């Protein structure tokens, strides 16, 4: 079973999140959206990066696409 890493949005940098995904970990990000708490699952199946939100599944074919999504959605720390 894949080791799960649970973090709050903004707790880790985009590099740290991508490193965890590339190491085979699933990352569960706790986010606040529209006044409610939600969980987003980030994962990598070896070919496609996936960002599974409560309303949508984003697929990214490469690391740069996933990195952009992580930053755009506010899951990473800082303005790297």
C-alpha atoms as a PDB file:
ATOM      1  CA  UNK A   1       0.000   0.000   0.000  1.00  0.00           C
ATOM      2  CA  UNK A   2       1.184   3.493  -0.808  1.00  0.00           C
ATOM      3  CA  UNK A   3       2.322   5.606   2.107  1.00  0.00           C
ATOM      4  CA  UNK A   4       0.031   8.586   2.638  1.00  0.00           C
ATOM      5  CA  UNK A   5       1.373  12.043   3.447  1.00  0.00           C
ATOM      6  CA  UNK A   6      -1.211  14.404   4.956  1.00  0.00           C
ATOM      7  CA  UNK A   7      -0.475  18.145   4.890  1.00  0.00           C
ATOM      8  CA  UNK A   8      -2.295  21.450   5.128  1.00  0.00           C
ATOM      9  CA  UNK A   9      -2.332  23.666   2.046  1.00  0.00           C
ATOM     10  CA  UNK A  10       0.781  25.844   2.107  1.00  0.00           C
ATOM     11  CA  UNK A  11       2.689  23.577   4.497  1.00  0.00           C
ATOM     12  CA  UNK A  12       5.162  22.250   1.908  1.00  0.00           C
ATOM     13  CA  UNK A  13       6.793  23.751  -1.160  1.00  0.00           C
ATOM     14  CA  UNK A  14       5.878  22.620  -4.677  1.00  0.00           C
ATOM     15  CA  UNK A  15       9.275  20.864  -4.850  1.00  0.00           C
ATOM     16  CA  UNK A  16       8.531  18.919  -1.664  1.00  0.00           C
ATOM     17  CA  UNK A  17       5.090  17.904  -2.916  1.00  0.00           C
ATOM     18  CA  UNK A  18       6.462  16.793  -6.308  1.00  0.00           C
ATOM     19  CA  UNK A  19       9.312  14.887  -4.607  1.00  0.00           C
ATOM     20  CA  UNK A  20       6.785  13.014  -2.442  1.00  0.00           C
ATOM     21  CA  UNK A  21       4.719  12.125  -5.520  1.00  0.00           C
ATOM     22  CA  UNK A  22       7.800  10.971  -7.445  1.00  0.00           C
ATOM     23  CA  UNK A  23       8.745   8.812  -4.439  1.00  0.00           C
ATOM     24  CA  UNK A  24       5.421   6.992  -4.843  1.00  0.00           C
ATOM     25  CA  UNK A  25       3.530   8.664  -2.015  1.00  0.00           C
ATOM     26  CA  UNK A  26      -0.036   9.892  -2.174  1.00  0.00           C
ATOM     27  CA  UNK A  27      -0.407  13.368  -0.740  1.00  0.00           C
ATOM     28  CA  UNK A  28      -3.619  14.376   0.995  1.00  0.00           C
ATOM     29  CA  UNK A  29      -3.907  18.168   1.149  1.00  0.00           C
ATOM     30  CA  UNK A  30      -6.381  19.750   3.549  1.00  0.00           C
ATOM     31  CA  UNK A  31      -7.786  22.908   1.943  1.00  0.00           C
ATOM     32  CA  UNK A  32     -10.412  25.469   2.806  1.00  0.00           C
ATOM     33  CA  UNK A  33     -12.704  26.406  -0.074  1.00  0.00           C
ATOM     34  CA  UNK A  34     -15.784  28.618   0.162  1.00  0.00           C
ATOM     35  CA  UNK A  35     -15.766  28.394   3.943  1.00  0.00           C
ATOM     36  CA  UNK A  36     -15.615  24.601   4.025  1.00  0.00           C
ATOM     37  CA  UNK A  37     -12.810  22.146   4.691  1.00  0.00           C
ATOM     38  CA  UNK A  38     -12.006  19.701   1.883  1.00  0.00           C
ATOM     39  CA  UNK A  39      -9.413  17.077   1.044  1.00  0.00           C
ATOM     40  CA  UNK A  40      -7.520  16.958  -2.235  1.00  0.00           C
ATOM     41  CA  UNK A  41      -5.540  13.870  -3.186  1.00  0.00           C
ATOM     42  CA  UNK A  42      -2.373  14.317  -5.247  1.00  0.00           C
ATOM     43  CA  UNK A  43      -0.848  11.214  -6.800  1.00  0.00           C
ATOM     44  CA  UNK A  44       1.391   9.956  -9.560  1.00  0.00           C
ATOM     45  CA  UNK A  45       0.822   6.596 -11.245  1.00  0.00           C
ATOM     46  CA  UNK A  46       4.181   6.523 -13.008  1.00  0.00           C
ATOM     47  CA  UNK A  47       2.814   8.133 -16.171  1.00  0.00           C
ATOM     48  CA  UNK A  48       0.233  10.725 -15.163  1.00  0.00           C
ATOM     49  CA  UNK A  49       0.070  13.173 -12.276  1.00  0.00           C
ATOM     50  CA  UNK A  50      -3.411  13.344 -10.769  1.00  0.00           C
ATOM     51  CA  UNK A  51      -5.068  15.981  -8.618  1.00  0.00           C
ATOM     52  CA  UNK A  52      -8.356  14.619  -7.296  1.00  0.00           C
ATOM     53  CA  UNK A  53     -10.548  17.389  -5.866  1.00  0.00           C
ATOM     54  CA  UNK A  54     -14.080  17.006  -4.468  1.00  0.00           C
ATOM     55  CA  UNK A  55     -15.488  18.210  -7.815  1.00  0.00           C
ATOM     56  CA  UNK A  56     -12.915  17.365 -10.478  1.00  0.00           C
ATOM     57  CA  UNK A  57     -10.016  15.106 -11.435  1.00  0.00           C
ATOM     58  CA  UNK A  58      -7.146  17.031 -13.018  1.00  0.00           C
ATOM     59  CA  UNK A  59      -4.686  15.002 -15.112  1.00  0.00           C
ATOM     60  CA  UNK A  60      -1.212  16.245 -15.995  1.00  0.00           C
ATOM     61  CA  UNK A  61       1.077  14.421 -18.387  1.00  0.00           C
ATOM     62  CA  UNK A  62       4.280  15.898 -16.970  1.00  0.00           C
ATOM     63  CA  UNK A  63       5.811  17.274 -13.817  1.00  0.00           C
ATOM     64  CA  UNK A  64       5.668  20.894 -14.981  1.00  0.00           C
ATOM     65  CA  UNK A  65       1.903  20.659 -15.515  1.00  0.00           C
ATOM     66  CA  UNK A  66       1.409  19.243 -12.023  1.00  0.00           C
ATOM     67  CA  UNK A  67       3.721  21.850 -10.520  1.00  0.00           C
ATOM     68  CA  UNK A  68       1.671  24.611 -12.186  1.00  0.00           C
ATOM     69  CA  UNK A  69      -1.571  23.139 -10.851  1.00  0.00           C
ATOM     70  CA  UNK A  70      -0.154  22.865  -7.324  1.00  0.00           C
ATOM     71  CA  UNK A  71       0.885  26.509  -7.390  1.00  0.00           C
ATOM     72  CA  UNK A  72      -2.260  27.796  -9.105  1.00  0.00           C
ATOM     73  CA  UNK A  73      -4.545  26.012  -6.649  1.00  0.00           C
ATOM     74  CA  UNK A  74      -2.573  27.248  -3.620  1.00  0.00           C
ATOM     75  CA  UNK A  75      -1.508  23.817  -2.334  1.00  0.00           C
ATOM     76  CA  UNK A  76       2.180  24.820  -2.039  1.00  0.00           C
ATOM     77  CA  UNK A  77       3.954  27.221   0.287  1.00  0.00           C
ATOM     78  CA  UNK A  78       5.230  30.568  -0.944  1.00  0.00           C
ATOM     79  CA  UNK A  79       5.579  32.148  -4.341  1.00  0.00           C
ATOM     80  CA  UNK A  80       8.332  29.962  -5.745  1.00  0.00           C
END
